[in-house]
Amino acid sequence: MRRSALAAVAVIGALALAGCGGSDSAASGAELSVDAAYIPQPVSDSMAAGFLTITNEGDTADELTSVTSEAGEITVHETAGGTMKEVDRLEVPAHGQLVFKSGGNHLMFEKLKQQPKQGQSVTVALHFAHSAPVTVKLPVKAATYQPTTGHSGHSEDSGH
């Protein structure tokens, strides 16, 4: 009887260790979250810019490969040295952030089906090279809106 109890403890211990190994493997991937998302109310009927911060708490980098929305076509733009250019992908570094802000990287909404108005929101799906898509609602803020310093969701103005 003692031998079968020891065998049971050994099996349970092995299963527990295997479970730990499985969770460690999952934790070593990208762990993405999005905050500080908004669109300044556009002055154009057909174009707008979008801003947000993608945070990766994981041990593995990922890449934003595209953004889609029922609102219209969206392209990803990188700004470097004062020059804006469309890019196919941008890295979301491990334990880091990919920041889209005024004067820097941004989402360009083109061929909008309707002009978004302040108080509304636009839903987008962020697509990544390795992670599942992330759906985000970007609230439409005043055209002159400037986010507070920092990039956490806690620092963003609620709009009220």
N, C-alpha and C. Protein backbone atom coordinates (compact mmCIF):
# COMPACT_ATOMS: atom_id res chain seq x y z
N MET A 1 0.83 -1.19 0.00
CA MET A 1 0.00 0.00 0.00
C MET A 1 0.88 1.25 0.00
N ARG A 2 1.95 1.20 0.79
CA ARG A 2 2.84 2.36 0.85
C ARG A 2 3.49 2.62 -0.50
N ARG A 3 3.83 1.52 -1.20
CA ARG A 3 4.46 1.65 -2.50
C ARG A 3 3.52 2.32 -3.50
N SER A 4 2.23 1.98 -3.52
CA SER A 4 1.28 2.59 -4.46
C SER A 4 1.04 4.05 -4.09
N ALA A 5 1.10 4.39 -2.81
CA ALA A 5 0.95 5.79 -2.40
C ALA A 5 2.14 6.61 -2.89
N LEU A 6 3.36 6.05 -2.76
CA LEU A 6 4.55 6.73 -3.27
C LEU A 6 4.49 6.89 -4.78
N ALA A 7 4.00 5.86 -5.46
CA ALA A 7 3.87 5.94 -6.93
C ALA A 7 2.87 7.03 -7.31
N ALA A 8 1.79 7.12 -6.57
CA ALA A 8 0.78 8.15 -6.85
C ALA A 8 1.36 9.54 -6.64
N VAL A 9 2.12 9.72 -5.55
CA VAL A 9 2.76 11.01 -5.28
C VAL A 9 3.74 11.34 -6.40
N ALA A 10 4.49 10.37 -6.87
CA ALA A 10 5.46 10.59 -7.94
C ALA A 10 4.74 11.00 -9.23
N VAL A 11 3.63 10.34 -9.55
CA VAL A 11 2.87 10.68 -10.76
C VAL A 11 2.29 12.09 -10.63
N ILE A 12 1.71 12.41 -9.48
CA ILE A 12 1.14 13.75 -9.27
C ILE A 12 2.23 14.81 -9.37
N GLY A 13 3.38 14.53 -8.77
CA GLY A 13 4.50 15.47 -8.85
C GLY A 13 4.97 15.67 -10.28
N ALA A 14 5.06 14.59 -11.03
CA ALA A 14 5.48 14.70 -12.44
C ALA A 14 4.47 15.51 -13.24
N LEU A 15 3.18 15.27 -13.01
CA LEU A 15 2.13 16.03 -13.71
C LEU A 15 2.19 17.51 -13.34
N ALA A 16 2.42 17.79 -12.07
CA ALA A 16 2.52 19.19 -11.64
C ALA A 16 3.70 19.88 -12.30
N LEU A 17 4.84 19.19 -12.37
CA LEU A 17 6.00 19.77 -13.03
C LEU A 17 5.75 19.95 -14.53
N ALA A 18 5.08 19.01 -15.15
CA ALA A 18 4.77 19.13 -16.57
C ALA A 18 3.84 20.33 -16.79
N GLY A 19 2.89 20.51 -15.87
CA GLY A 19 1.99 21.67 -15.97
C GLY A 19 2.76 22.97 -15.84
N CYS A 20 3.75 23.00 -14.96
CA CYS A 20 4.56 24.21 -14.82
C CYS A 20 5.34 24.48 -16.09
N GLY A 21 5.88 23.44 -16.69
CA GLY A 21 6.63 23.61 -17.93
C GLY A 21 5.74 24.16 -19.03
N GLY A 22 4.50 23.70 -19.09
CA GLY A 22 3.58 24.19 -20.10
C GLY A 22 3.26 25.66 -19.91
N SER A 23 3.06 26.09 -18.69
CA SER A 23 2.73 27.50 -18.47
C SER A 23 3.96 28.38 -18.70
N ASP A 24 5.15 27.89 -18.41
CA ASP A 24 6.34 28.68 -18.69
C ASP A 24 6.50 28.89 -20.19
N SER A 25 6.20 27.85 -20.98
CA SER A 25 6.31 27.97 -22.43
C SER A 25 5.35 29.02 -22.94
N ALA A 26 4.12 29.01 -22.43
CA ALA A 26 3.12 29.98 -22.89
C ALA A 26 3.53 31.40 -22.49
N ALA A 27 4.12 31.54 -21.32
CA ALA A 27 4.50 32.87 -20.84
C ALA A 27 5.69 33.44 -21.61
N SER A 28 6.40 32.59 -22.35
CA SER A 28 7.58 33.09 -23.05
C SER A 28 7.22 33.77 -24.37
N GLY A 29 5.94 33.77 -24.78
CA GLY A 29 5.51 34.43 -26.01
C GLY A 29 5.23 35.90 -25.77
N ALA A 30 4.72 36.56 -26.80
CA ALA A 30 4.31 37.96 -26.68
C ALA A 30 3.04 38.03 -25.84
N GLU A 31 2.93 39.03 -24.99
CA GLU A 31 1.74 39.27 -24.17
C GLU A 31 1.32 40.71 -24.45
N LEU A 32 0.39 40.88 -25.39
CA LEU A 32 0.07 42.20 -25.91
C LEU A 32 -1.16 42.81 -25.27
N SER A 33 -1.09 44.11 -25.03
CA SER A 33 -2.25 44.89 -24.59
C SER A 33 -2.18 46.25 -25.27
N VAL A 34 -3.32 46.92 -25.34
CA VAL A 34 -3.40 48.20 -26.02
C VAL A 34 -4.06 49.21 -25.10
N ASP A 35 -3.50 50.42 -25.07
CA ASP A 35 -4.14 51.51 -24.33
C ASP A 35 -3.85 52.84 -25.02
N ALA A 36 -4.32 53.92 -24.44
CA ALA A 36 -4.12 55.28 -24.94
C ALA A 36 -4.58 55.43 -26.39
N ALA A 37 -5.64 54.72 -26.78
CA ALA A 37 -6.13 54.74 -28.16
C ALA A 37 -7.09 55.90 -28.37
N TYR A 38 -6.94 56.59 -29.51
CA TYR A 38 -7.88 57.66 -29.88
C TYR A 38 -7.68 58.09 -31.32
N ILE A 39 -8.68 58.77 -31.84
CA ILE A 39 -8.63 59.42 -33.14
C ILE A 39 -9.01 60.87 -32.92
N PRO A 40 -8.17 61.84 -33.32
CA PRO A 40 -8.61 63.23 -33.27
C PRO A 40 -9.72 63.40 -34.33
N GLN A 41 -10.78 64.15 -33.99
CA GLN A 41 -11.85 64.33 -34.97
C GLN A 41 -11.25 64.85 -36.27
N PRO A 42 -11.47 64.11 -37.36
CA PRO A 42 -10.84 64.51 -38.62
C PRO A 42 -11.52 65.73 -39.24
N VAL A 43 -10.73 66.51 -39.96
CA VAL A 43 -11.27 67.65 -40.69
C VAL A 43 -11.66 67.23 -42.10
N SER A 44 -11.15 66.10 -42.55
CA SER A 44 -11.45 65.56 -43.87
C SER A 44 -12.59 64.56 -43.77
N ASP A 45 -13.40 64.49 -44.82
CA ASP A 45 -14.49 63.51 -44.85
C ASP A 45 -13.98 62.09 -45.06
N SER A 46 -12.79 61.95 -45.68
CA SER A 46 -12.36 60.62 -46.09
C SER A 46 -11.07 60.13 -45.43
N MET A 47 -10.39 60.99 -44.65
CA MET A 47 -9.12 60.58 -44.03
C MET A 47 -9.07 60.97 -42.55
N ALA A 48 -8.36 60.16 -41.78
CA ALA A 48 -8.15 60.45 -40.35
C ALA A 48 -6.89 59.74 -39.90
N ALA A 49 -6.38 60.15 -38.75
CA ALA A 49 -5.22 59.50 -38.14
C ALA A 49 -5.65 58.85 -36.84
N GLY A 50 -4.99 57.76 -36.48
CA GLY A 50 -5.28 57.07 -35.23
C GLY A 50 -4.01 56.84 -34.45
N PHE A 51 -4.16 56.89 -33.12
CA PHE A 51 -3.00 56.75 -32.24
C PHE A 51 -3.33 55.77 -31.12
N LEU A 52 -2.31 55.04 -30.66
CA LEU A 52 -2.48 54.08 -29.57
C LEU A 52 -1.10 53.59 -29.14
N THR A 53 -1.07 52.84 -28.06
CA THR A 53 0.17 52.24 -27.59
C THR A 53 -0.06 50.74 -27.42
N ILE A 54 0.80 49.95 -28.05
CA ILE A 54 0.76 48.50 -27.90
C ILE A 54 1.90 48.12 -26.95
N THR A 55 1.56 47.48 -25.85
CA THR A 55 2.55 47.07 -24.85
C THR A 55 2.72 45.56 -24.92
N ASN A 56 3.96 45.12 -24.89
CA ASN A 56 4.29 43.69 -24.90
C ASN A 56 4.99 43.35 -23.59
N GLU A 57 4.29 42.65 -22.71
CA GLU A 57 4.86 42.24 -21.42
C GLU A 57 5.59 40.91 -21.54
N GLY A 58 5.56 40.30 -22.72
CA GLY A 58 6.13 38.97 -22.91
C GLY A 58 7.62 38.97 -23.20
N ASP A 59 8.15 37.76 -23.30
CA ASP A 59 9.58 37.56 -23.54
C ASP A 59 9.95 37.51 -25.01
N THR A 60 8.95 37.57 -25.89
CA THR A 60 9.19 37.44 -27.33
C THR A 60 8.64 38.65 -28.07
N ALA A 61 9.42 39.19 -28.97
CA ALA A 61 8.96 40.30 -29.80
C ALA A 61 7.90 39.79 -30.79
N ASP A 62 7.06 40.69 -31.26
CA ASP A 62 6.08 40.38 -32.29
C ASP A 62 6.09 41.53 -33.27
N GLU A 63 5.29 41.44 -34.31
CA GLU A 63 5.22 42.52 -35.29
C GLU A 63 3.76 42.81 -35.63
N LEU A 64 3.42 44.09 -35.66
CA LEU A 64 2.12 44.51 -36.16
C LEU A 64 2.21 44.43 -37.68
N THR A 65 1.35 43.62 -38.30
CA THR A 65 1.44 43.42 -39.74
C THR A 65 0.35 44.13 -40.52
N SER A 66 -0.79 44.39 -39.89
CA SER A 66 -1.86 45.13 -40.57
C SER A 66 -2.91 45.54 -39.56
N VAL A 67 -3.77 46.48 -40.01
CA VAL A 67 -4.89 46.94 -39.19
C VAL A 67 -6.10 46.99 -40.11
N THR A 68 -7.22 46.43 -39.67
CA THR A 68 -8.43 46.43 -40.47
C THR A 68 -9.58 47.04 -39.70
N SER A 69 -10.56 47.56 -40.44
CA SER A 69 -11.74 48.15 -39.83
C SER A 69 -12.85 48.24 -40.87
N GLU A 70 -14.08 48.14 -40.41
CA GLU A 70 -15.21 48.33 -41.29
C GLU A 70 -15.37 49.81 -41.65
N ALA A 71 -14.68 50.70 -40.93
CA ALA A 71 -14.79 52.14 -41.16
C ALA A 71 -14.13 52.57 -42.47
N GLY A 72 -13.14 51.80 -42.95
CA GLY A 72 -12.43 52.14 -44.17
C GLY A 72 -11.08 51.45 -44.21
N GLU A 73 -10.27 51.81 -45.18
CA GLU A 73 -8.93 51.23 -45.31
C GLU A 73 -7.99 51.89 -44.31
N ILE A 74 -7.08 51.08 -43.75
CA ILE A 74 -6.11 51.61 -42.78
C ILE A 74 -4.72 51.17 -43.20
N THR A 75 -3.79 52.11 -43.22
CA THR A 75 -2.39 51.80 -43.46
C THR A 75 -1.60 52.22 -42.24
N VAL A 76 -0.44 51.59 -42.07
CA VAL A 76 0.45 51.88 -40.95
C VAL A 76 1.59 52.75 -41.47
N HIS A 77 1.83 53.88 -40.78
CA HIS A 77 2.88 54.80 -41.19
C HIS A 77 3.92 54.97 -40.09
N GLU A 78 5.16 55.04 -40.53
CA GLU A 78 6.29 55.27 -39.64
C GLU A 78 6.84 56.65 -39.97
N THR A 79 7.18 57.42 -38.95
CA THR A 79 7.79 58.72 -39.17
C THR A 79 9.21 58.66 -38.63
N ALA A 80 10.17 58.90 -39.50
CA ALA A 80 11.58 58.89 -39.11
C ALA A 80 12.26 60.07 -39.78
N GLY A 81 12.97 60.87 -39.01
CA GLY A 81 13.68 62.02 -39.55
C GLY A 81 12.76 63.02 -40.22
N GLY A 82 11.53 63.14 -39.70
CA GLY A 82 10.57 64.08 -40.25
C GLY A 82 9.88 63.60 -41.52
N THR A 83 10.18 62.37 -41.95
CA THR A 83 9.58 61.82 -43.16
C THR A 83 8.62 60.69 -42.80
N MET A 84 7.40 60.77 -43.35
CA MET A 84 6.40 59.75 -43.12
C MET A 84 6.40 58.78 -44.29
N LYS A 85 6.37 57.46 -43.96
CA LYS A 85 6.26 56.48 -45.03
C LYS A 85 5.41 55.31 -44.57
N GLU A 86 4.68 54.74 -45.52
CA GLU A 86 3.86 53.57 -45.23
C GLU A 86 4.79 52.37 -45.07
N VAL A 87 4.50 51.51 -44.07
CA VAL A 87 5.30 50.32 -43.83
C VAL A 87 4.39 49.09 -43.76
N ASP A 88 4.98 47.93 -44.05
CA ASP A 88 4.24 46.67 -44.01
C ASP A 88 4.11 46.11 -42.61
N ARG A 89 5.06 46.48 -41.73
CA ARG A 89 5.06 45.94 -40.37
C ARG A 89 5.92 46.80 -39.46
N LEU A 90 5.59 46.76 -38.18
CA LEU A 90 6.39 47.45 -37.16
C LEU A 90 6.57 46.50 -35.99
N GLU A 91 7.77 46.48 -35.42
CA GLU A 91 8.07 45.59 -34.30
C GLU A 91 7.44 46.07 -33.01
N VAL A 92 6.93 45.09 -32.25
CA VAL A 92 6.50 45.31 -30.87
C VAL A 92 7.52 44.56 -30.03
N PRO A 93 8.51 45.28 -29.47
CA PRO A 93 9.62 44.59 -28.79
C PRO A 93 9.18 43.85 -27.53
N ALA A 94 9.91 42.78 -27.21
CA ALA A 94 9.68 42.08 -25.94
C ALA A 94 9.90 43.06 -24.80
N HIS A 95 9.04 43.02 -23.81
CA HIS A 95 9.13 43.91 -22.65
C HIS A 95 9.22 45.37 -23.07
N GLY A 96 8.48 45.73 -24.11
CA GLY A 96 8.54 47.10 -24.62
C GLY A 96 7.22 47.55 -25.19
N GLN A 97 7.26 48.68 -25.91
CA GLN A 97 6.05 49.28 -26.47
C GLN A 97 6.27 49.70 -27.91
N LEU A 98 5.19 49.67 -28.66
CA LEU A 98 5.12 50.29 -29.97
C LEU A 98 4.14 51.44 -29.81
N VAL A 99 4.63 52.67 -29.95
CA VAL A 99 3.83 53.85 -29.68
C VAL A 99 3.45 54.54 -30.99
N PHE A 100 2.17 54.82 -31.14
CA PHE A 100 1.65 55.61 -32.25
C PHE A 100 1.21 56.93 -31.65
N LYS A 101 1.86 58.04 -32.06
CA LYS A 101 1.54 59.35 -31.48
C LYS A 101 1.65 60.42 -32.55
N SER A 102 1.05 61.56 -32.28
CA SER A 102 1.10 62.68 -33.22
C SER A 102 2.55 63.05 -33.49
N GLY A 103 2.91 63.16 -34.77
CA GLY A 103 4.28 63.48 -35.15
C GLY A 103 5.17 62.26 -35.25
N GLY A 104 4.64 61.08 -34.95
CA GLY A 104 5.41 59.85 -35.01
C GLY A 104 4.67 58.78 -35.78
N ASN A 105 4.86 57.53 -35.38
CA ASN A 105 4.13 56.44 -36.01
C ASN A 105 2.63 56.69 -35.84
N HIS A 106 1.84 56.33 -36.84
CA HIS A 106 0.40 56.53 -36.74
C HIS A 106 -0.34 55.60 -37.69
N LEU A 107 -1.63 55.44 -37.43
CA LEU A 107 -2.51 54.71 -38.32
C LEU A 107 -3.16 55.74 -39.22
N MET A 108 -3.23 55.47 -40.52
CA MET A 108 -3.86 56.38 -41.45
C MET A 108 -5.14 55.73 -41.97
N PHE A 109 -6.27 56.33 -41.60
CA PHE A 109 -7.57 55.87 -42.09
C PHE A 109 -7.82 56.55 -43.43
N GLU A 110 -8.06 55.76 -44.46
CA GLU A 110 -8.29 56.29 -45.80
C GLU A 110 -9.61 55.75 -46.34
N LYS A 111 -10.22 56.51 -47.21
CA LYS A 111 -11.49 56.11 -47.83
C LYS A 111 -12.53 55.77 -46.76
N LEU A 112 -12.65 56.65 -45.76
CA LEU A 112 -13.63 56.44 -44.70
C LEU A 112 -15.03 56.38 -45.28
N LYS A 113 -15.84 55.47 -44.77
CA LYS A 113 -17.22 55.35 -45.23
C LYS A 113 -18.06 56.50 -44.71
N GLN A 114 -17.69 57.02 -43.54
CA GLN A 114 -18.32 58.23 -43.00
C GLN A 114 -17.34 58.89 -42.05
N GLN A 115 -17.45 60.21 -41.92
CA GLN A 115 -16.52 60.95 -41.07
C GLN A 115 -16.87 60.71 -39.60
N PRO A 116 -15.93 60.16 -38.82
CA PRO A 116 -16.21 59.96 -37.40
C PRO A 116 -16.30 61.29 -36.66
N LYS A 117 -17.24 61.38 -35.74
CA LYS A 117 -17.49 62.60 -34.97
C LYS A 117 -17.08 62.40 -33.52
N GLN A 118 -16.71 63.49 -32.87
CA GLN A 118 -16.33 63.45 -31.46
C GLN A 118 -17.44 62.79 -30.66
N GLY A 119 -17.05 61.88 -29.75
CA GLY A 119 -18.01 61.15 -28.92
C GLY A 119 -18.29 59.76 -29.47
N GLN A 120 -18.02 59.54 -30.75
CA GLN A 120 -18.19 58.21 -31.34
C GLN A 120 -16.90 57.43 -31.13
N SER A 121 -16.87 56.17 -31.58
CA SER A 121 -15.64 55.40 -31.56
C SER A 121 -15.56 54.58 -32.84
N VAL A 122 -14.35 54.23 -33.21
CA VAL A 122 -14.09 53.43 -34.39
C VAL A 122 -13.39 52.16 -33.93
N THR A 123 -13.92 51.00 -34.34
CA THR A 123 -13.34 49.72 -33.95
C THR A 123 -12.36 49.25 -35.02
N VAL A 124 -11.18 48.82 -34.57
CA VAL A 124 -10.16 48.30 -35.47
C VAL A 124 -9.69 46.95 -34.95
N ALA A 125 -9.16 46.14 -35.85
CA ALA A 125 -8.52 44.87 -35.48
C ALA A 125 -7.05 44.98 -35.83
N LEU A 126 -6.20 44.78 -34.83
CA LEU A 126 -4.76 44.81 -35.02
C LEU A 126 -4.30 43.37 -35.29
N HIS A 127 -3.57 43.17 -36.38
CA HIS A 127 -3.12 41.84 -36.77
C HIS A 127 -1.60 41.76 -36.58
N PHE A 128 -1.16 40.64 -36.01
CA PHE A 128 0.25 40.46 -35.66
C PHE A 128 0.83 39.23 -36.36
N ALA A 129 2.14 39.20 -36.47
CA ALA A 129 2.84 38.08 -37.10
C ALA A 129 2.64 36.79 -36.32
N HIS A 130 2.61 36.85 -34.98
CA HIS A 130 2.58 35.64 -34.18
C HIS A 130 1.41 35.57 -33.19
N SER A 131 0.86 36.69 -32.80
CA SER A 131 -0.21 36.72 -31.80
C SER A 131 -1.57 36.80 -32.47
N ALA A 132 -2.59 36.44 -31.73
CA ALA A 132 -3.97 36.56 -32.22
C ALA A 132 -4.31 38.03 -32.41
N PRO A 133 -5.24 38.32 -33.31
CA PRO A 133 -5.65 39.72 -33.51
C PRO A 133 -6.22 40.32 -32.22
N VAL A 134 -6.04 41.63 -32.07
CA VAL A 134 -6.56 42.36 -30.92
C VAL A 134 -7.54 43.40 -31.44
N THR A 135 -8.78 43.38 -30.92
CA THR A 135 -9.79 44.36 -31.32
C THR A 135 -9.76 45.53 -30.35
N VAL A 136 -9.75 46.74 -30.91
CA VAL A 136 -9.63 47.96 -30.09
C VAL A 136 -10.67 48.98 -30.55
N LYS A 137 -11.29 49.67 -29.59
CA LYS A 137 -12.16 50.80 -29.91
C LYS A 137 -11.37 52.08 -29.71
N LEU A 138 -11.30 52.90 -30.75
CA LEU A 138 -10.61 54.18 -30.67
C LEU A 138 -11.67 55.27 -30.53
N PRO A 139 -11.77 55.90 -29.35
CA PRO A 139 -12.73 56.99 -29.21
C PRO A 139 -12.30 58.19 -30.03
N VAL A 140 -13.27 58.89 -30.60
CA VAL A 140 -12.99 60.10 -31.37
C VAL A 140 -12.97 61.26 -30.40
N LYS A 141 -11.82 61.92 -30.32
CA LYS A 141 -11.61 63.06 -29.41
C LYS A 141 -11.67 64.37 -30.20
N ALA A 142 -11.63 65.48 -29.51
CA ALA A 142 -11.58 66.80 -30.16
C ALA A 142 -10.36 66.86 -31.07
N ALA A 143 -10.45 67.62 -32.14
CA ALA A 143 -9.34 67.75 -33.08
C ALA A 143 -8.08 68.28 -32.39
N THR A 144 -8.25 69.03 -31.32
CA THR A 144 -7.12 69.63 -30.60
C THR A 144 -6.66 68.78 -29.40
N TYR A 145 -7.24 67.60 -29.21
CA TYR A 145 -6.93 66.75 -28.06
C TYR A 145 -5.44 66.41 -28.01
N GLN A 146 -4.85 66.56 -26.85
CA GLN A 146 -3.47 66.17 -26.59
C GLN A 146 -3.48 65.22 -25.39
N PRO A 147 -3.04 63.97 -25.56
CA PRO A 147 -3.04 63.06 -24.41
C PRO A 147 -2.08 63.55 -23.33
N THR A 148 -2.38 63.16 -22.11
CA THR A 148 -1.48 63.52 -21.01
C THR A 148 -0.18 62.75 -21.16
N THR A 149 0.87 63.15 -20.47
CA THR A 149 2.15 62.47 -20.59
C THR A 149 2.03 61.04 -20.12
N GLY A 150 2.87 60.20 -20.64
CA GLY A 150 2.81 58.78 -20.31
C GLY A 150 1.93 58.06 -21.30
N HIS A 151 2.04 56.73 -21.31
CA HIS A 151 1.28 55.97 -22.29
C HIS A 151 0.42 54.91 -21.65
N SER A 152 0.12 55.01 -20.36
CA SER A 152 -0.73 54.00 -19.75
C SER A 152 -2.18 54.43 -19.87
N GLY A 153 -3.07 53.48 -19.81
CA GLY A 153 -4.50 53.77 -19.89
C GLY A 153 -4.96 54.65 -18.75
N HIS A 154 -4.26 54.62 -17.61
CA HIS A 154 -4.65 55.41 -16.46
C HIS A 154 -4.42 56.90 -16.68
N SER A 155 -3.53 57.25 -17.60
CA SER A 155 -3.20 58.66 -17.79
C SER A 155 -4.06 59.32 -18.86
N GLU A 156 -4.87 58.51 -19.56
CA GLU A 156 -5.66 59.06 -20.65
C GLU A 156 -6.87 59.79 -20.13
N ASP A 157 -7.16 60.92 -20.74
CA ASP A 157 -8.34 61.71 -20.42
C ASP A 157 -9.57 60.88 -20.76
N SER A 158 -10.57 60.89 -19.90
CA SER A 158 -11.76 60.09 -20.13
C SER A 158 -12.68 60.73 -21.15
N GLY A 159 -12.46 61.99 -21.47
CA GLY A 159 -13.28 62.65 -22.48
C GLY A 159 -14.49 63.34 -21.89
N HIS A 160 -14.68 63.29 -20.59
CA HIS A 160 -15.86 63.93 -19.98
C HIS A 160 -15.50 65.30 -19.46
